[in-house]
Amino acid sequence: MQLFDSAASPFCRKVRVLLHETGLLGDVEIVAVANSPLAPDDQNKAKNPLGKIPTLVRADGPAIYDSRVICRYLDALAGSGLYPDRSLWETLTLEATADGIMDAAVLMVYEGRVRDEAMRSEAWVEAQWTKAARALDAIEARWMSHLHGKLDMGQIAVGCALGYLDFRHGPRNWRAGRPSLAAWYGTFSARPSMEATVPPA
């Protein structure tokens, strides 16, 4: 299998963390691609019509894409139980919440890097941050017991979302007013799988 990947993408990092946690890392070739909304990588585009990353190329079927689909597939392949039946809907909801934070944070970056300067909107950027902040507040208020449970994909997704906020939006200080989440991330970010996938400075 091949994973079309960018080291800076939090969605790709989710998959790479899962590969470390499940022992599948040696079964997947990581293929770094230069991908952007305006110039998607040609080899990735040939496998994924949306031109987004990550994309997982399989020998026994068509390529699959969207990090949630890839993670479900790899978890099933490994039999690792990162989507446990006993709390499946909670795990999926927490993963979706984390993915929403990543979406908003990535769009904030795109607004400054990809959009023409004359068309950039600070109000739109702040609206994206407001979505992310609401999600962070919800995790702090309602999801801490889940985060402290057995490792699952919701936890991995939250860890990658918080890591991306540190990476791209450090001055926003997501930890302010969220002491429980900050303490959890301090421990979770020290996992070998997280340390091995830290995006480049």
N, C-alpha and C. Protein backbone atom coordinates (compact mmCIF):
# COMPACT_ATOMS: atom_id res chain seq x y z
N MET A 1 0.84 -1.19 0.00
CA MET A 1 0.00 0.00 0.00
C MET A 1 0.88 1.24 0.00
N GLN A 2 0.34 2.32 -0.57
CA GLN A 2 1.02 3.61 -0.56
C GLN A 2 0.08 4.65 0.07
N LEU A 3 0.66 5.53 0.86
CA LEU A 3 -0.10 6.64 1.43
C LEU A 3 0.45 7.93 0.85
N PHE A 4 -0.37 8.63 0.05
CA PHE A 4 0.01 9.95 -0.43
C PHE A 4 -0.21 10.93 0.72
N ASP A 5 0.85 11.65 1.07
CA ASP A 5 0.94 12.25 2.39
C ASP A 5 1.68 13.59 2.33
N SER A 6 1.35 14.46 3.26
CA SER A 6 2.14 15.66 3.52
C SER A 6 2.42 15.72 5.01
N ALA A 7 3.67 15.92 5.37
CA ALA A 7 4.05 15.91 6.79
C ALA A 7 3.37 17.01 7.58
N ALA A 8 2.95 18.08 6.92
CA ALA A 8 2.33 19.21 7.62
C ALA A 8 0.83 19.04 7.82
N SER A 9 0.22 18.09 7.11
CA SER A 9 -1.23 17.94 7.18
C SER A 9 -1.66 17.21 8.45
N PRO A 10 -2.59 17.78 9.21
CA PRO A 10 -3.08 17.06 10.40
C PRO A 10 -3.90 15.83 10.04
N PHE A 11 -4.54 15.85 8.87
CA PHE A 11 -5.32 14.69 8.44
C PHE A 11 -4.40 13.53 8.08
N CYS A 12 -3.29 13.83 7.43
CA CYS A 12 -2.29 12.79 7.15
C CYS A 12 -1.66 12.30 8.45
N ARG A 13 -1.42 13.22 9.37
CA ARG A 13 -0.82 12.81 10.64
C ARG A 13 -1.71 11.80 11.36
N LYS A 14 -3.02 11.99 11.33
CA LYS A 14 -3.93 11.02 11.93
C LYS A 14 -3.64 9.62 11.44
N VAL A 15 -3.48 9.49 10.14
CA VAL A 15 -3.25 8.17 9.55
C VAL A 15 -1.89 7.63 9.99
N ARG A 16 -0.88 8.50 9.98
CA ARG A 16 0.46 8.03 10.37
C ARG A 16 0.50 7.63 11.85
N VAL A 17 -0.19 8.36 12.71
CA VAL A 17 -0.26 7.96 14.12
C VAL A 17 -0.91 6.59 14.23
N LEU A 18 -2.01 6.39 13.51
CA LEU A 18 -2.67 5.08 13.52
C LEU A 18 -1.71 3.99 13.05
N LEU A 19 -0.94 4.25 12.00
CA LEU A 19 0.01 3.24 11.50
C LEU A 19 1.01 2.86 12.59
N HIS A 20 1.49 3.84 13.33
CA HIS A 20 2.40 3.55 14.43
C HIS A 20 1.71 2.74 15.52
N GLU A 21 0.51 3.14 15.88
CA GLU A 21 -0.18 2.50 17.00
C GLU A 21 -0.61 1.07 16.68
N THR A 22 -0.86 0.77 15.41
CA THR A 22 -1.37 -0.54 15.02
C THR A 22 -0.27 -1.49 14.54
N GLY A 23 0.95 -0.99 14.39
CA GLY A 23 2.03 -1.83 13.87
C GLY A 23 2.01 -2.01 12.37
N LEU A 24 1.23 -1.19 11.66
CA LEU A 24 1.13 -1.32 10.20
C LEU A 24 2.12 -0.44 9.45
N LEU A 25 2.94 0.30 10.16
CA LEU A 25 3.80 1.27 9.49
C LEU A 25 4.67 0.62 8.41
N GLY A 26 5.18 -0.57 8.66
CA GLY A 26 6.03 -1.24 7.69
C GLY A 26 5.29 -1.76 6.47
N ASP A 27 3.96 -1.76 6.52
CA ASP A 27 3.16 -2.26 5.39
C ASP A 27 2.73 -1.16 4.43
N VAL A 28 3.05 0.08 4.76
CA VAL A 28 2.58 1.21 3.96
C VAL A 28 3.77 2.09 3.58
N GLU A 29 3.92 2.34 2.28
CA GLU A 29 4.95 3.27 1.80
C GLU A 29 4.39 4.69 1.88
N ILE A 30 5.08 5.55 2.60
CA ILE A 30 4.66 6.94 2.71
C ILE A 30 5.24 7.71 1.52
N VAL A 31 4.37 8.26 0.69
CA VAL A 31 4.79 8.99 -0.50
C VAL A 31 4.48 10.47 -0.29
N ALA A 32 5.52 11.27 -0.09
CA ALA A 32 5.32 12.71 0.13
C ALA A 32 4.92 13.37 -1.17
N VAL A 33 3.85 14.16 -1.12
CA VAL A 33 3.40 14.88 -2.31
C VAL A 33 3.27 16.37 -1.97
N ALA A 34 3.52 17.19 -2.97
CA ALA A 34 3.32 18.63 -2.83
C ALA A 34 1.91 18.93 -3.30
N ASN A 35 1.03 19.22 -2.36
CA ASN A 35 -0.39 19.33 -2.68
C ASN A 35 -0.92 20.66 -2.18
N SER A 36 -1.71 21.33 -2.98
CA SER A 36 -2.39 22.54 -2.54
C SER A 36 -3.73 22.62 -3.24
N PRO A 37 -4.68 23.42 -2.72
CA PRO A 37 -5.99 23.51 -3.36
C PRO A 37 -5.92 23.99 -4.81
N LEU A 38 -4.92 24.84 -5.11
CA LEU A 38 -4.80 25.37 -6.47
C LEU A 38 -3.95 24.50 -7.37
N ALA A 39 -3.12 23.64 -6.77
CA ALA A 39 -2.22 22.81 -7.57
C ALA A 39 -2.08 21.43 -6.94
N PRO A 40 -3.13 20.60 -7.03
CA PRO A 40 -3.02 19.25 -6.47
C PRO A 40 -1.98 18.42 -7.22
N ASP A 41 -1.31 17.55 -6.48
CA ASP A 41 -0.28 16.69 -7.05
C ASP A 41 -0.87 15.79 -8.13
N ASP A 42 -0.16 15.65 -9.25
CA ASP A 42 -0.70 14.89 -10.38
C ASP A 42 -0.93 13.42 -10.04
N GLN A 43 0.03 12.77 -9.36
CA GLN A 43 -0.15 11.35 -9.07
C GLN A 43 -1.27 11.13 -8.06
N ASN A 44 -1.43 12.07 -7.14
CA ASN A 44 -2.54 11.95 -6.20
C ASN A 44 -3.87 12.17 -6.90
N LYS A 45 -3.91 13.17 -7.77
CA LYS A 45 -5.13 13.50 -8.50
C LYS A 45 -5.59 12.33 -9.37
N ALA A 46 -4.62 11.56 -9.88
CA ALA A 46 -4.96 10.41 -10.71
C ALA A 46 -5.66 9.31 -9.90
N LYS A 47 -5.40 9.26 -8.60
CA LYS A 47 -6.01 8.25 -7.73
C LYS A 47 -7.22 8.77 -6.97
N ASN A 48 -7.20 10.06 -6.67
CA ASN A 48 -8.26 10.69 -5.87
C ASN A 48 -8.80 11.87 -6.66
N PRO A 49 -9.99 11.78 -7.23
CA PRO A 49 -10.50 12.86 -8.08
C PRO A 49 -10.66 14.18 -7.35
N LEU A 50 -10.76 14.14 -6.02
CA LEU A 50 -10.88 15.38 -5.26
C LEU A 50 -9.53 16.10 -5.13
N GLY A 51 -8.45 15.36 -5.37
CA GLY A 51 -7.12 15.95 -5.28
C GLY A 51 -6.66 16.26 -3.88
N LYS A 52 -7.35 15.70 -2.87
CA LYS A 52 -6.99 15.97 -1.48
C LYS A 52 -6.08 14.86 -0.94
N ILE A 53 -5.47 15.16 0.18
CA ILE A 53 -4.69 14.15 0.90
C ILE A 53 -5.26 14.02 2.30
N PRO A 54 -5.08 12.83 2.90
CA PRO A 54 -4.36 11.65 2.42
C PRO A 54 -5.18 10.82 1.44
N THR A 55 -4.45 10.03 0.65
CA THR A 55 -5.04 9.02 -0.22
C THR A 55 -4.30 7.73 0.02
N LEU A 56 -5.02 6.63 0.17
CA LEU A 56 -4.38 5.33 0.37
C LEU A 56 -4.59 4.49 -0.89
N VAL A 57 -3.48 4.11 -1.51
CA VAL A 57 -3.51 3.28 -2.72
C VAL A 57 -3.34 1.83 -2.31
N ARG A 58 -4.28 0.99 -2.72
CA ARG A 58 -4.27 -0.43 -2.35
C ARG A 58 -3.99 -1.28 -3.58
N ALA A 59 -3.36 -2.44 -3.35
CA ALA A 59 -3.09 -3.36 -4.45
C ALA A 59 -4.34 -4.15 -4.85
N ASP A 60 -5.29 -4.29 -3.91
CA ASP A 60 -6.42 -5.18 -4.14
C ASP A 60 -7.74 -4.44 -4.33
N GLY A 61 -7.67 -3.16 -4.68
CA GLY A 61 -8.90 -2.41 -4.88
C GLY A 61 -8.60 -0.97 -5.21
N PRO A 62 -9.63 -0.18 -5.46
CA PRO A 62 -9.40 1.23 -5.78
C PRO A 62 -8.84 1.99 -4.59
N ALA A 63 -8.19 3.09 -4.88
CA ALA A 63 -7.68 3.95 -3.82
C ALA A 63 -8.84 4.44 -2.96
N ILE A 64 -8.57 4.63 -1.67
CA ILE A 64 -9.58 5.18 -0.78
C ILE A 64 -9.06 6.48 -0.19
N TYR A 65 -9.98 7.36 0.13
CA TYR A 65 -9.58 8.69 0.59
C TYR A 65 -10.59 9.25 1.57
N ASP A 66 -10.17 10.34 2.19
CA ASP A 66 -10.74 10.95 3.39
C ASP A 66 -10.11 10.23 4.57
N SER A 67 -9.52 11.00 5.47
CA SER A 67 -8.78 10.38 6.57
C SER A 67 -9.65 9.45 7.41
N ARG A 68 -10.93 9.79 7.58
CA ARG A 68 -11.79 8.92 8.39
C ARG A 68 -12.01 7.56 7.72
N VAL A 69 -12.17 7.57 6.40
CA VAL A 69 -12.35 6.31 5.68
C VAL A 69 -11.06 5.48 5.76
N ILE A 70 -9.93 6.12 5.52
CA ILE A 70 -8.65 5.41 5.57
C ILE A 70 -8.41 4.84 6.97
N CYS A 71 -8.69 5.61 7.99
CA CYS A 71 -8.46 5.13 9.36
C CYS A 71 -9.37 3.95 9.69
N ARG A 72 -10.63 4.00 9.27
CA ARG A 72 -11.53 2.87 9.51
C ARG A 72 -11.02 1.63 8.79
N TYR A 73 -10.56 1.80 7.55
CA TYR A 73 -10.05 0.67 6.77
C TYR A 73 -8.83 0.05 7.44
N LEU A 74 -7.85 0.88 7.81
CA LEU A 74 -6.63 0.36 8.41
C LEU A 74 -6.88 -0.25 9.78
N ASP A 75 -7.78 0.34 10.54
CA ASP A 75 -8.14 -0.24 11.83
C ASP A 75 -8.75 -1.63 11.65
N ALA A 76 -9.63 -1.76 10.66
CA ALA A 76 -10.23 -3.07 10.39
C ALA A 76 -9.17 -4.07 9.93
N LEU A 77 -8.24 -3.59 9.10
CA LEU A 77 -7.18 -4.46 8.60
C LEU A 77 -6.31 -4.99 9.74
N ALA A 78 -6.01 -4.11 10.69
CA ALA A 78 -5.15 -4.49 11.81
C ALA A 78 -5.91 -5.18 12.93
N GLY A 79 -7.22 -5.02 12.96
CA GLY A 79 -8.01 -5.56 14.06
C GLY A 79 -7.65 -4.93 15.38
N SER A 80 -7.37 -3.64 15.36
CA SER A 80 -6.83 -2.96 16.55
C SER A 80 -7.88 -2.38 17.47
N GLY A 81 -9.13 -2.31 17.04
CA GLY A 81 -10.20 -1.86 17.93
C GLY A 81 -10.19 -0.39 18.24
N LEU A 82 -9.66 0.44 17.35
CA LEU A 82 -9.67 1.89 17.59
C LEU A 82 -11.04 2.52 17.34
N TYR A 83 -11.95 1.73 16.80
CA TYR A 83 -13.36 2.12 16.68
C TYR A 83 -14.18 1.08 17.45
N PRO A 84 -14.16 1.12 18.77
CA PRO A 84 -14.77 0.05 19.57
C PRO A 84 -16.29 0.05 19.47
N ASP A 85 -16.86 -1.13 19.37
CA ASP A 85 -18.32 -1.27 19.27
C ASP A 85 -19.02 -0.65 20.47
N ARG A 86 -18.44 -0.79 21.64
CA ARG A 86 -19.10 -0.34 22.87
C ARG A 86 -19.29 1.18 22.91
N SER A 87 -18.45 1.91 22.19
CA SER A 87 -18.57 3.38 22.19
C SER A 87 -18.36 3.93 20.78
N LEU A 88 -18.89 3.22 19.78
CA LEU A 88 -18.62 3.59 18.39
C LEU A 88 -19.10 5.00 18.07
N TRP A 89 -20.32 5.32 18.46
CA TRP A 89 -20.88 6.62 18.05
C TRP A 89 -20.18 7.76 18.77
N GLU A 90 -19.77 7.53 20.00
CA GLU A 90 -19.00 8.56 20.71
C GLU A 90 -17.64 8.76 20.06
N THR A 91 -16.98 7.65 19.70
CA THR A 91 -15.68 7.74 19.05
C THR A 91 -15.78 8.46 17.73
N LEU A 92 -16.79 8.11 16.92
CA LEU A 92 -16.97 8.77 15.62
C LEU A 92 -17.29 10.25 15.78
N THR A 93 -18.12 10.58 16.78
CA THR A 93 -18.47 11.99 16.99
C THR A 93 -17.27 12.79 17.45
N LEU A 94 -16.47 12.23 18.34
CA LEU A 94 -15.27 12.94 18.79
C LEU A 94 -14.28 13.10 17.64
N GLU A 95 -14.14 12.07 16.81
CA GLU A 95 -13.26 12.20 15.64
C GLU A 95 -13.77 13.29 14.70
N ALA A 96 -15.08 13.32 14.48
CA ALA A 96 -15.66 14.36 13.61
C ALA A 96 -15.45 15.75 14.20
N THR A 97 -15.55 15.87 15.52
CA THR A 97 -15.32 17.16 16.17
C THR A 97 -13.88 17.60 15.96
N ALA A 98 -12.94 16.69 16.15
CA ALA A 98 -11.53 17.01 15.93
C ALA A 98 -11.26 17.36 14.47
N ASP A 99 -11.87 16.60 13.56
CA ASP A 99 -11.69 16.90 12.14
C ASP A 99 -12.24 18.28 11.80
N GLY A 100 -13.33 18.67 12.45
CA GLY A 100 -13.86 20.01 12.23
C GLY A 100 -12.90 21.10 12.68
N ILE A 101 -12.22 20.85 13.80
CA ILE A 101 -11.19 21.80 14.25
C ILE A 101 -10.09 21.89 13.21
N MET A 102 -9.65 20.74 12.70
CA MET A 102 -8.61 20.73 11.68
C MET A 102 -9.06 21.47 10.43
N ASP A 103 -10.29 21.19 9.98
CA ASP A 103 -10.83 21.88 8.80
C ASP A 103 -10.74 23.39 8.96
N ALA A 104 -11.23 23.88 10.09
CA ALA A 104 -11.24 25.32 10.32
C ALA A 104 -9.82 25.87 10.36
N ALA A 105 -8.93 25.16 11.04
CA ALA A 105 -7.55 25.64 11.18
C ALA A 105 -6.82 25.64 9.85
N VAL A 106 -7.05 24.62 9.02
CA VAL A 106 -6.42 24.57 7.70
C VAL A 106 -6.97 25.68 6.82
N LEU A 107 -8.27 25.94 6.87
CA LEU A 107 -8.85 27.01 6.06
C LEU A 107 -8.30 28.38 6.45
N MET A 108 -8.01 28.56 7.73
CA MET A 108 -7.38 29.81 8.17
C MET A 108 -6.00 29.97 7.52
N VAL A 109 -5.26 28.89 7.44
CA VAL A 109 -3.95 28.94 6.79
C VAL A 109 -4.10 29.24 5.31
N TYR A 110 -5.03 28.56 4.66
CA TYR A 110 -5.24 28.78 3.22
C TYR A 110 -5.62 30.23 2.91
N GLU A 111 -6.40 30.82 3.79
CA GLU A 111 -6.82 32.21 3.55
C GLU A 111 -5.61 33.13 3.44
N GLY A 112 -4.59 32.87 4.26
CA GLY A 112 -3.41 33.72 4.23
C GLY A 112 -2.40 33.33 3.18
N ARG A 113 -2.37 32.06 2.78
CA ARG A 113 -1.33 31.58 1.87
C ARG A 113 -1.78 31.41 0.43
N VAL A 114 -3.06 31.11 0.24
CA VAL A 114 -3.53 30.75 -1.09
C VAL A 114 -4.41 31.84 -1.71
N ARG A 115 -5.22 32.47 -0.91
CA ARG A 115 -6.16 33.46 -1.43
C ARG A 115 -5.44 34.75 -1.78
N ASP A 116 -5.84 35.39 -2.87
CA ASP A 116 -5.25 36.68 -3.25
C ASP A 116 -5.43 37.67 -2.10
N GLU A 117 -4.39 38.46 -1.88
CA GLU A 117 -4.40 39.35 -0.72
C GLU A 117 -5.60 40.29 -0.71
N ALA A 118 -5.97 40.78 -1.88
CA ALA A 118 -7.09 41.74 -1.95
C ALA A 118 -8.42 41.09 -1.59
N MET A 119 -8.48 39.77 -1.63
CA MET A 119 -9.73 39.07 -1.37
C MET A 119 -9.80 38.46 0.02
N ARG A 120 -8.74 38.58 0.79
CA ARG A 120 -8.72 37.96 2.12
C ARG A 120 -9.69 38.66 3.06
N SER A 121 -10.28 37.85 3.95
CA SER A 121 -11.27 38.37 4.88
C SER A 121 -10.89 38.00 6.31
N GLU A 122 -10.59 38.99 7.12
CA GLU A 122 -10.27 38.74 8.51
C GLU A 122 -11.49 38.23 9.26
N ALA A 123 -12.66 38.74 8.89
CA ALA A 123 -13.89 38.27 9.52
C ALA A 123 -14.11 36.79 9.26
N TRP A 124 -13.80 36.35 8.06
CA TRP A 124 -13.96 34.93 7.72
C TRP A 124 -12.97 34.08 8.52
N VAL A 125 -11.73 34.56 8.65
CA VAL A 125 -10.72 33.86 9.46
C VAL A 125 -11.21 33.73 10.90
N GLU A 126 -11.73 34.83 11.45
CA GLU A 126 -12.20 34.79 12.84
C GLU A 126 -13.40 33.87 13.00
N ALA A 127 -14.23 33.79 11.97
CA ALA A 127 -15.37 32.86 12.03
C ALA A 127 -14.89 31.42 12.08
N GLN A 128 -13.83 31.11 11.36
CA GLN A 128 -13.26 29.77 11.42
C GLN A 128 -12.70 29.48 12.80
N TRP A 129 -12.01 30.47 13.37
CA TRP A 129 -11.46 30.26 14.71
C TRP A 129 -12.57 30.09 15.74
N THR A 130 -13.67 30.81 15.57
CA THR A 130 -14.80 30.68 16.50
C THR A 130 -15.35 29.26 16.48
N LYS A 131 -15.44 28.65 15.29
CA LYS A 131 -15.88 27.26 15.21
C LYS A 131 -14.93 26.33 15.96
N ALA A 132 -13.64 26.53 15.73
CA ALA A 132 -12.65 25.69 16.41
C ALA A 132 -12.72 25.87 17.92
N ALA A 133 -12.86 27.11 18.36
CA ALA A 133 -12.91 27.40 19.80
C ALA A 133 -14.14 26.78 20.45
N ARG A 134 -15.29 26.84 19.76
CA ARG A 134 -16.49 26.20 20.30
C ARG A 134 -16.28 24.70 20.46
N ALA A 135 -15.65 24.09 19.48
CA ALA A 135 -15.39 22.66 19.55
C ALA A 135 -14.43 22.33 20.70
N LEU A 136 -13.40 23.14 20.87
CA LEU A 136 -12.46 22.94 21.98
C LEU A 136 -13.18 23.07 23.32
N ASP A 137 -14.07 24.05 23.43
CA ASP A 137 -14.82 24.22 24.68
C ASP A 137 -15.71 23.01 24.94
N ALA A 138 -16.31 22.47 23.88
CA ALA A 138 -17.17 21.29 24.04
C ALA A 138 -16.35 20.09 24.51
N ILE A 139 -15.16 19.92 23.97
CA ILE A 139 -14.31 18.81 24.41
C ILE A 139 -13.93 18.98 25.88
N GLU A 140 -13.56 20.18 26.26
CA GLU A 140 -13.20 20.46 27.65
C GLU A 140 -14.38 20.18 28.58
N ALA A 141 -15.58 20.54 28.15
CA ALA A 141 -16.75 20.42 29.03
C ALA A 141 -17.35 19.02 29.06
N ARG A 142 -17.27 18.27 27.92
CA ARG A 142 -18.06 17.05 27.82
C ARG A 142 -17.31 15.79 27.46
N TRP A 143 -16.06 15.90 27.04
CA TRP A 143 -15.40 14.74 26.48
C TRP A 143 -14.17 14.28 27.25
N MET A 144 -13.87 14.87 28.38
CA MET A 144 -12.61 14.52 29.05
C MET A 144 -12.61 13.08 29.56
N SER A 145 -13.75 12.58 30.02
CA SER A 145 -13.77 11.19 30.50
C SER A 145 -13.46 10.24 29.35
N HIS A 146 -13.97 10.55 28.16
CA HIS A 146 -13.68 9.72 26.99
C HIS A 146 -12.19 9.80 26.65
N LEU A 147 -11.62 10.97 26.70
CA LEU A 147 -10.21 11.13 26.37
C LEU A 147 -9.31 10.35 27.33
N HIS A 148 -9.77 10.17 28.54
CA HIS A 148 -8.97 9.44 29.53
C HIS A 148 -9.24 7.93 29.51
N GLY A 149 -10.07 7.47 28.57
CA GLY A 149 -10.35 6.05 28.46
C GLY A 149 -9.32 5.34 27.60
N LYS A 150 -9.65 4.11 27.21
CA LYS A 150 -8.77 3.32 26.36
C LYS A 150 -8.57 4.02 25.03
N LEU A 151 -7.35 3.92 24.47
CA LEU A 151 -7.02 4.60 23.23
C LEU A 151 -8.01 4.25 22.13
N ASP A 152 -8.52 5.29 21.45
CA ASP A 152 -9.36 5.07 20.28
C ASP A 152 -9.09 6.18 19.27
N MET A 153 -9.80 6.12 18.15
CA MET A 153 -9.51 7.06 17.07
C MET A 153 -9.96 8.48 17.41
N GLY A 154 -10.94 8.63 18.28
CA GLY A 154 -11.33 9.97 18.71
C GLY A 154 -10.18 10.66 19.42
N GLN A 155 -9.49 9.94 20.29
CA GLN A 155 -8.35 10.51 21.00
C GLN A 155 -7.23 10.89 20.03
N ILE A 156 -6.93 10.00 19.09
CA ILE A 156 -5.87 10.28 18.12
C ILE A 156 -6.21 11.53 17.32
N ALA A 157 -7.46 11.65 16.90
CA ALA A 157 -7.87 12.81 16.11
C ALA A 157 -7.75 14.10 16.92
N VAL A 158 -8.18 14.07 18.17
CA VAL A 158 -8.05 15.27 19.01
C VAL A 158 -6.58 15.63 19.20
N GLY A 159 -5.75 14.63 19.46
CA GLY A 159 -4.33 14.90 19.62
C GLY A 159 -3.73 15.56 18.39
N CYS A 160 -4.09 15.08 17.20
CA CYS A 160 -3.57 15.67 15.97
C CYS A 160 -4.11 17.07 15.73
N ALA A 161 -5.37 17.30 16.10
CA ALA A 161 -5.95 18.64 15.96
C ALA A 161 -5.23 19.64 16.86
N LEU A 162 -4.99 19.25 18.10
CA LEU A 162 -4.31 20.16 19.02
C LEU A 162 -2.87 20.40 18.58
N GLY A 163 -2.22 19.36 18.08
CA GLY A 163 -0.87 19.53 17.57
C GLY A 163 -0.82 20.51 16.41
N TYR A 164 -1.84 20.45 15.55
CA TYR A 164 -1.87 21.38 14.42
C TYR A 164 -2.11 22.82 14.88
N LEU A 165 -2.94 22.99 15.89
CA LEU A 165 -3.14 24.34 16.42
C LEU A 165 -1.83 24.91 16.96
N ASP A 166 -1.05 24.08 17.65
CA ASP A 166 0.26 24.54 18.11
C ASP A 166 1.17 24.87 16.93
N PHE A 167 1.11 24.05 15.89
CA PHE A 167 1.99 24.17 14.73
C PHE A 167 1.69 25.43 13.92
N ARG A 168 0.43 25.69 13.67
CA ARG A 168 0.06 26.80 12.77
C ARG A 168 -0.55 28.01 13.47
N HIS A 169 -1.09 27.81 14.66
CA HIS A 169 -1.84 28.90 15.30
C HIS A 169 -1.44 29.06 16.76
N GLY A 170 -0.17 28.89 17.05
CA GLY A 170 0.30 28.98 18.43
C GLY A 170 -0.12 30.24 19.17
N PRO A 171 -0.03 31.42 18.53
CA PRO A 171 -0.42 32.64 19.24
C PRO A 171 -1.88 32.68 19.68
N ARG A 172 -2.71 31.84 19.11
CA ARG A 172 -4.13 31.79 19.53
C ARG A 172 -4.28 31.19 20.93
N ASN A 173 -3.28 30.45 21.37
CA ASN A 173 -3.23 29.89 22.73
C ASN A 173 -4.51 29.12 23.07
N TRP A 174 -4.71 28.01 22.38
CA TRP A 174 -5.92 27.21 22.61
C TRP A 174 -6.02 26.70 24.04
N ARG A 175 -4.91 26.64 24.78
CA ARG A 175 -4.92 26.10 26.15
C ARG A 175 -5.62 27.03 27.14
N ALA A 176 -5.69 28.31 26.83
CA ALA A 176 -6.27 29.28 27.76
C ALA A 176 -7.72 28.93 28.06
N GLY A 177 -8.03 28.76 29.34
CA GLY A 177 -9.39 28.43 29.76
C GLY A 177 -9.76 26.98 29.59
N ARG A 178 -8.80 26.14 29.19
CA ARG A 178 -9.09 24.71 28.99
C ARG A 178 -8.03 23.88 29.69
N PRO A 179 -7.95 23.96 31.01
CA PRO A 179 -6.86 23.30 31.73
C PRO A 179 -6.88 21.78 31.64
N SER A 180 -8.07 21.19 31.62
CA SER A 180 -8.15 19.73 31.56
C SER A 180 -7.66 19.21 30.21
N LEU A 181 -8.08 19.87 29.15
CA LEU A 181 -7.65 19.47 27.81
C LEU A 181 -6.14 19.69 27.64
N ALA A 182 -5.65 20.79 28.15
CA ALA A 182 -4.21 21.09 28.06
C ALA A 182 -3.40 20.03 28.79
N ALA A 183 -3.87 19.63 29.98
CA ALA A 183 -3.15 18.61 30.75
C ALA A 183 -3.18 17.26 30.03
N TRP A 184 -4.34 16.91 29.48
CA TRP A 184 -4.44 15.66 28.73
C TRP A 184 -3.49 15.66 27.55
N TYR A 185 -3.43 16.76 26.81
CA TYR A 185 -2.57 16.81 25.63
C TYR A 185 -1.10 16.75 26.03
N GLY A 186 -0.76 17.32 27.16
CA GLY A 186 0.62 17.24 27.63
C GLY A 186 1.08 15.80 27.76
N THR A 187 0.19 14.94 28.22
CA THR A 187 0.51 13.52 28.35
C THR A 187 0.41 12.80 27.00
N PHE A 188 -0.67 13.07 26.27
CA PHE A 188 -0.92 12.34 25.02
C PHE A 188 0.15 12.66 23.97
N SER A 189 0.61 13.88 23.91
CA SER A 189 1.59 14.28 22.90
C SER A 189 2.94 13.61 23.11
N ALA A 190 3.15 13.02 24.30
CA ALA A 190 4.40 12.31 24.58
C ALA A 190 4.38 10.86 24.13
N ARG A 191 3.24 10.38 23.60
CA ARG A 191 3.21 9.02 23.08
C ARG A 191 4.22 8.90 21.94
N PRO A 192 4.90 7.77 21.82
CA PRO A 192 5.88 7.60 20.73
C PRO A 192 5.29 7.86 19.35
N SER A 193 4.04 7.46 19.14
CA SER A 193 3.41 7.68 17.83
C SER A 193 3.23 9.16 17.52
N MET A 194 2.97 9.95 18.54
CA MET A 194 2.81 11.40 18.35
C MET A 194 4.19 12.05 18.15
N GLU A 195 5.16 11.64 18.95
CA GLU A 195 6.49 12.23 18.81
C GLU A 195 7.12 11.90 17.44
N ALA A 196 6.80 10.71 16.91
CA ALA A 196 7.37 10.30 15.63
C ALA A 196 6.73 11.02 14.44
N THR A 197 5.59 11.69 14.66
CA THR A 197 4.86 12.31 13.56
C THR A 197 4.74 13.82 13.69
N VAL A 198 5.55 14.42 14.55
CA VAL A 198 5.50 15.88 14.72
C VAL A 198 5.81 16.55 13.38
N PRO A 199 4.99 17.51 12.94
CA PRO A 199 5.27 18.16 11.66
C PRO A 199 6.57 18.94 11.69
N PRO A 200 7.20 19.10 10.53
CA PRO A 200 8.48 19.82 10.49
C PRO A 200 8.32 21.28 10.87
N ALA A 201 9.32 21.83 11.51
CA ALA A 201 9.26 23.24 11.94
C ALA A 201 9.33 24.16 10.73
